[in-house]
Amino acid sequence: MNADKTIISILLTVICLIAKPVWAMHESGHDLSDEEWLTIKGKIELLDNLNYLPTLLPVIMRHRDALELTDEQIAAFRNWRKQNYGYMVMVMNEIIERRVEFKKVAFIPGTTDEELRELQNDILALQKKLLDIKLTCRKLVMDTFTKEQWENFEFAIADHPKLASLIQH
């Protein structure tokens, strides 16, 4: 009986991991409106655990008034989002799929250590791609934020404990 519960639990976890990528997709070719971004940003945050660099753009855009973003900054952030969002989600989805695949084949008799290392290397390469995408956003923020905006950012993320703990005072 316990084995059945364990198998059901594992299957539900796998189903959730496979279904999760679909939730974050944006299907139109146009730039996301603020309302669309708010709907999707929570889904991105669920996928955000796939990379060490946190996703800051949703927080920045939500607090753009408090941060006193200029029209040029808002346009630059929206442009980055338009240019990179779809690819970023695709890479995140691929990481999830590869992790699920890894877990499945890890318990197949006959799977070699080398095959598992190869799968792990594929996952690491995808995580590097994701980091590279996020680093372009980080660079944009670093290059455009003023000292005052950084100070306001610290205040704006105070209600986001995961992010607030990362800020160096």
Protein backbone atom coordinates (compact mmCIF):
# COMPACT_ATOMS: atom_id res chain seq x y z
CA MET A 1 0.00 0.00 0.00
CA ASN A 2 2.82 2.45 0.87
CA ALA A 3 4.51 1.66 -2.44
CA ASP A 4 1.28 2.57 -4.27
CA LYS A 5 1.09 5.89 -2.41
CA THR A 6 4.72 6.60 -3.22
CA ILE A 7 4.21 5.84 -6.91
CA ILE A 8 1.09 8.03 -7.02
CA SER A 9 2.98 10.83 -5.27
CA ILE A 10 5.85 10.58 -7.75
CA LEU A 11 3.46 10.55 -10.71
CA LEU A 12 1.61 13.62 -9.44
CA THR A 13 4.92 15.44 -8.95
CA VAL A 14 6.02 14.57 -12.49
CA ILE A 15 2.65 15.68 -13.91
CA CYS A 16 2.92 19.00 -12.05
CA LEU A 17 6.47 19.53 -13.32
CA ILE A 18 5.43 18.78 -16.88
CA ALA A 19 2.29 20.94 -16.69
CA LYS A 20 4.02 23.88 -15.01
CA PRO A 21 5.90 25.01 -18.16
CA VAL A 22 2.69 25.36 -20.14
CA TRP A 23 1.23 27.71 -17.54
CA ALA A 24 3.82 30.40 -18.19
CA MET A 25 3.56 30.60 -21.94
CA HIS A 26 2.41 33.75 -23.68
CA GLU A 27 1.00 32.95 -27.07
CA SER A 28 0.62 36.23 -28.87
CA GLY A 29 3.35 37.93 -30.87
CA HIS A 30 2.84 41.36 -29.33
CA ASP A 31 4.53 42.90 -26.31
CA LEU A 32 2.82 42.03 -23.05
CA SER A 33 0.55 44.64 -21.53
CA ASP A 34 1.04 45.46 -17.86
CA GLU A 35 -2.03 43.36 -17.01
CA GLU A 36 -0.78 40.38 -19.04
CA TRP A 37 2.62 40.65 -17.39
CA LEU A 38 1.06 40.65 -13.91
CA THR A 39 -0.84 37.49 -14.82
CA ILE A 40 2.25 35.73 -16.12
CA LYS A 41 4.82 37.04 -13.64
CA GLY A 42 3.63 34.71 -10.89
CA LYS A 43 4.13 31.80 -13.22
CA ILE A 44 7.62 33.02 -14.06
CA GLU A 45 8.38 33.19 -10.35
CA LEU A 46 7.43 29.50 -10.08
CA LEU A 47 9.92 28.71 -12.82
CA ASP A 48 12.48 31.08 -11.32
CA ASN A 49 13.80 28.38 -9.00
CA LEU A 50 15.67 26.97 -12.00
CA ASN A 51 18.41 29.58 -11.82
CA TYR A 52 20.40 31.32 -9.11
CA LEU A 53 19.91 34.83 -10.48
CA PRO A 54 16.48 36.05 -9.39
CA THR A 55 14.04 37.49 -11.89
CA LEU A 56 13.85 41.18 -11.00
CA LEU A 57 11.99 42.69 -13.92
CA PRO A 58 8.48 41.87 -12.65
CA VAL A 59 9.28 43.53 -9.32
CA ILE A 60 10.85 46.53 -11.03
CA MET A 61 7.89 47.02 -13.35
CA ARG A 62 5.36 46.57 -10.54
CA HIS A 63 7.11 49.32 -8.55
CA ARG A 64 8.02 51.58 -11.47
CA ASP A 65 6.25 54.58 -9.93
CA ALA A 66 8.07 54.23 -6.60
CA LEU A 67 11.32 53.70 -8.49
CA GLU A 68 10.57 56.78 -10.60
CA LEU A 69 11.49 54.97 -13.80
CA THR A 70 11.80 57.20 -16.82
CA ASP A 71 9.81 56.56 -19.97
CA GLU A 72 13.07 55.48 -21.61
CA GLN A 73 13.78 52.94 -18.86
CA ILE A 74 10.25 51.54 -19.05
CA ALA A 75 10.56 51.26 -22.82
CA ALA A 76 13.96 49.55 -22.49
CA PHE A 77 12.63 47.05 -19.93
CA ARG A 78 9.56 46.32 -22.05
CA ASN A 79 11.77 45.87 -25.09
CA TRP A 80 14.03 43.46 -23.18
CA ARG A 81 10.97 41.53 -22.06
CA LYS A 82 9.59 41.44 -25.61
CA GLN A 83 12.92 40.26 -27.03
CA ASN A 84 13.79 37.69 -24.36
CA TYR A 85 10.70 36.49 -22.53
CA GLY A 86 9.67 33.71 -24.93
CA TYR A 87 13.17 32.30 -25.22
CA MET A 88 13.68 32.48 -21.46
CA VAL A 89 10.48 30.51 -20.80
CA MET A 90 11.40 27.99 -23.49
CA VAL A 91 14.77 27.38 -21.81
CA MET A 92 13.12 27.09 -18.39
CA ASN A 93 10.63 24.58 -19.77
CA GLU A 94 13.43 22.57 -21.34
CA ILE A 95 15.28 22.48 -18.01
CA ILE A 96 12.18 21.13 -16.29
CA GLU A 97 11.65 18.51 -18.99
CA ARG A 98 15.29 17.41 -18.81
CA ARG A 99 15.16 17.16 -15.01
CA VAL A 100 12.07 14.96 -15.25
CA GLU A 101 13.78 12.85 -17.91
CA PHE A 102 16.88 12.53 -15.73
CA LYS A 103 14.85 11.30 -12.77
CA LYS A 104 13.04 8.79 -14.94
CA VAL A 105 16.12 7.26 -16.56
CA ALA A 106 18.11 7.27 -13.32
CA PHE A 107 16.08 4.29 -12.14
CA ILE A 108 16.04 2.32 -15.36
CA PRO A 109 18.26 -0.72 -15.03
CA GLY A 110 21.02 -0.52 -17.56
CA THR A 111 21.30 3.27 -17.60
CA THR A 112 25.00 3.98 -17.37
CA ASP A 113 26.75 6.56 -15.25
CA GLU A 114 27.99 8.14 -18.48
CA GLU A 115 24.43 8.54 -19.78
CA LEU A 116 23.44 10.26 -16.55
CA ARG A 117 26.48 12.52 -16.70
CA GLU A 118 25.56 13.43 -20.28
CA LEU A 119 21.99 14.28 -19.26
CA GLN A 120 23.31 16.33 -16.33
CA ASN A 121 25.68 18.18 -18.67
CA ASP A 122 22.73 18.97 -20.94
CA ILE A 123 20.84 20.42 -17.96
CA LEU A 124 23.88 22.45 -16.91
CA ALA A 125 24.23 23.84 -20.46
CA LEU A 126 20.58 24.89 -20.40
CA GLN A 127 21.05 26.52 -16.99
CA LYS A 128 23.99 28.44 -18.45
CA LYS A 129 21.77 29.65 -21.31
CA LEU A 130 19.17 30.77 -18.77
CA LEU A 131 21.82 32.59 -16.77
CA ASP A 132 23.11 34.30 -19.92
CA ILE A 133 19.59 35.55 -20.70
CA LYS A 134 19.08 36.81 -17.17
CA LEU A 135 22.50 38.48 -17.17
CA THR A 136 21.43 40.65 -20.10
CA CYS A 137 18.51 41.86 -17.98
CA ARG A 138 20.80 42.42 -15.01
CA LYS A 139 23.15 44.45 -17.19
CA LEU A 140 20.27 46.57 -18.44
CA VAL A 141 19.15 47.28 -14.88
CA MET A 142 22.71 47.94 -13.67
CA ASP A 143 23.40 50.27 -16.59
CA THR A 144 20.18 52.27 -16.27
CA PHE A 145 19.37 52.50 -12.55
CA THR A 146 20.45 55.63 -10.73
CA LYS A 147 21.70 55.62 -7.13
CA GLU A 148 18.29 56.89 -6.01
CA GLN A 149 16.52 54.13 -7.91
CA TRP A 150 18.69 51.53 -6.16
CA GLU A 151 17.73 53.04 -2.82
CA ASN A 152 14.06 53.03 -3.81
CA PHE A 153 14.45 49.46 -5.06
CA GLU A 154 15.58 48.36 -1.60
CA PHE A 155 12.41 49.89 -0.19
CA ALA A 156 10.22 48.41 -2.95
CA ILE A 157 11.39 44.83 -2.37
CA ALA A 158 11.02 44.98 1.39
CA ASP A 159 7.80 42.95 0.99
CA HIS A 160 9.68 40.27 -1.00
CA PRO A 161 11.73 38.47 1.68
CA LYS A 162 13.66 36.30 -0.82
CA LEU A 163 14.83 39.37 -2.71
CA ALA A 164 15.20 41.74 0.25
CA SER A 165 17.64 39.37 1.93
CA LEU A 166 19.92 39.59 -1.11
CA ILE A 167 20.44 43.35 -1.01
CA GLN A 168 23.76 44.43 0.46
CA HIS A 169 23.47 47.50 2.66
